[in-house]
Amino acid sequence: MRNGFIFNGATQQASEVADLVKTRVVMWMNAKFDIKIYTVEDFKGYLNGIRKVKV
């Protein structure tokens, strides 16, 4: 996405970028912790439910 933006002027919706980030986080978690009982969509749904925390 970054290269497309820089070299081709391509644009992406914020929701597309957020979805890609969530997918890659989940894929990393599955690989790192060998979690096979949840799908990528399960984890993404969980991440969608997290609210911003005020500190």
C-alpha atoms as a PDB file:
ATOM      1  CA  MET A   1       0.000   0.000   0.000  1.00  0.00           C
ATOM      2  CA  ARG A   2       2.798   2.367   0.913  1.00  0.00           C
ATOM      3  CA  ASN A   3       4.659   1.812  -2.350  1.00  0.00           C
ATOM      4  CA  GLY A   4       1.457   2.144  -4.340  1.00  0.00           C
ATOM      5  CA  PHE A   5       0.809   5.475  -2.669  1.00  0.00           C
ATOM      6  CA  ILE A   6       4.340   6.817  -3.102  1.00  0.00           C
ATOM      7  CA  PHE A   7       5.083   5.598  -6.617  1.00  0.00           C
ATOM      8  CA  ASN A   8       1.656   5.433  -8.244  1.00  0.00           C
ATOM      9  CA  GLY A   9      -0.445   7.914  -6.272  1.00  0.00           C
ATOM     10  CA  ALA A  10      -2.832   5.115  -5.292  1.00  0.00           C
ATOM     11  CA  THR A  11      -5.103   5.747  -2.326  1.00  0.00           C
ATOM     12  CA  GLN A  12      -6.668   3.396   0.191  1.00  0.00           C
ATOM     13  CA  GLN A  13      -9.595   3.765   2.534  1.00  0.00           C
ATOM     14  CA  ALA A  14      -8.687   3.881   6.214  1.00  0.00           C
ATOM     15  CA  SER A  15     -10.905   0.846   6.789  1.00  0.00           C
ATOM     16  CA  GLU A  16      -8.893  -1.160   4.221  1.00  0.00           C
ATOM     17  CA  VAL A  17      -5.620  -0.265   5.939  1.00  0.00           C
ATOM     18  CA  ALA A  18      -7.060  -1.104   9.364  1.00  0.00           C
ATOM     19  CA  ASP A  19      -8.331  -4.456   8.078  1.00  0.00           C
ATOM     20  CA  LEU A  20      -4.914  -5.296   6.640  1.00  0.00           C
ATOM     21  CA  VAL A  21      -3.198  -4.400   9.927  1.00  0.00           C
ATOM     22  CA  LYS A  22      -5.631  -6.564  11.892  1.00  0.00           C
ATOM     23  CA  THR A  23      -5.136  -9.474   9.509  1.00  0.00           C
ATOM     24  CA  ARG A  24      -1.355  -9.279   9.768  1.00  0.00           C
ATOM     25  CA  VAL A  25      -1.442  -9.015  13.571  1.00  0.00           C
ATOM     26  CA  VAL A  26      -3.607 -12.120  13.750  1.00  0.00           C
ATOM     27  CA  MET A  27      -1.401 -14.021  11.311  1.00  0.00           C
ATOM     28  CA  TRP A  28       1.640 -13.106  13.409  1.00  0.00           C
ATOM     29  CA  MET A  29      -0.108 -14.195  16.621  1.00  0.00           C
ATOM     30  CA  ASN A  30      -1.114 -17.522  15.061  1.00  0.00           C
ATOM     31  CA  ALA A  31       2.466 -18.168  13.948  1.00  0.00           C
ATOM     32  CA  LYS A  32       4.144 -16.933  17.134  1.00  0.00           C
ATOM     33  CA  PHE A  33       1.884 -18.702  19.625  1.00  0.00           C
ATOM     34  CA  ASP A  34       0.781 -21.630  17.425  1.00  0.00           C
ATOM     35  CA  ILE A  35      -2.903 -20.863  17.979  1.00  0.00           C
ATOM     36  CA  LYS A  36      -4.942 -22.985  15.592  1.00  0.00           C
ATOM     37  CA  ILE A  37      -8.378 -23.066  17.231  1.00  0.00           C
ATOM     38  CA  TYR A  38      -9.329 -19.549  16.127  1.00  0.00           C
ATOM     39  CA  THR A  39      -9.607 -18.274  12.588  1.00  0.00           C
ATOM     40  CA  VAL A  40      -8.287 -14.950  11.345  1.00  0.00           C
ATOM     41  CA  GLU A  41     -11.893 -13.740  11.200  1.00  0.00           C
ATOM     42  CA  ASP A  42     -12.447 -14.744  14.863  1.00  0.00           C
ATOM     43  CA  PHE A  43      -9.501 -12.643  15.982  1.00  0.00           C
ATOM     44  CA  LYS A  44     -10.417  -9.717  13.738  1.00  0.00           C
ATOM     45  CA  GLY A  45     -13.890  -9.713  15.261  1.00  0.00           C
ATOM     46  CA  TYR A  46     -12.325  -9.581  18.705  1.00  0.00           C
ATOM     47  CA  LEU A  47     -10.033  -6.714  17.676  1.00  0.00           C
ATOM     48  CA  ASN A  48     -13.041  -4.819  16.303  1.00  0.00           C
ATOM     49  CA  GLY A  49     -14.638  -5.025  19.747  1.00  0.00           C
ATOM     50  CA  ILE A  50     -11.743  -3.405  21.605  1.00  0.00           C
ATOM     51  CA  ARG A  51     -12.492   0.156  22.591  1.00  0.00           C
ATOM     52  CA  LYS A  52      -9.964   2.922  23.078  1.00  0.00           C
ATOM     53  CA  VAL A  53      -8.814   3.065  26.652  1.00  0.00           C
ATOM     54  CA  LYS A  54      -8.465   6.448  28.306  1.00  0.00           C
ATOM     55  CA  VAL A  55      -5.420   6.735  30.549  1.00  0.00           C
END
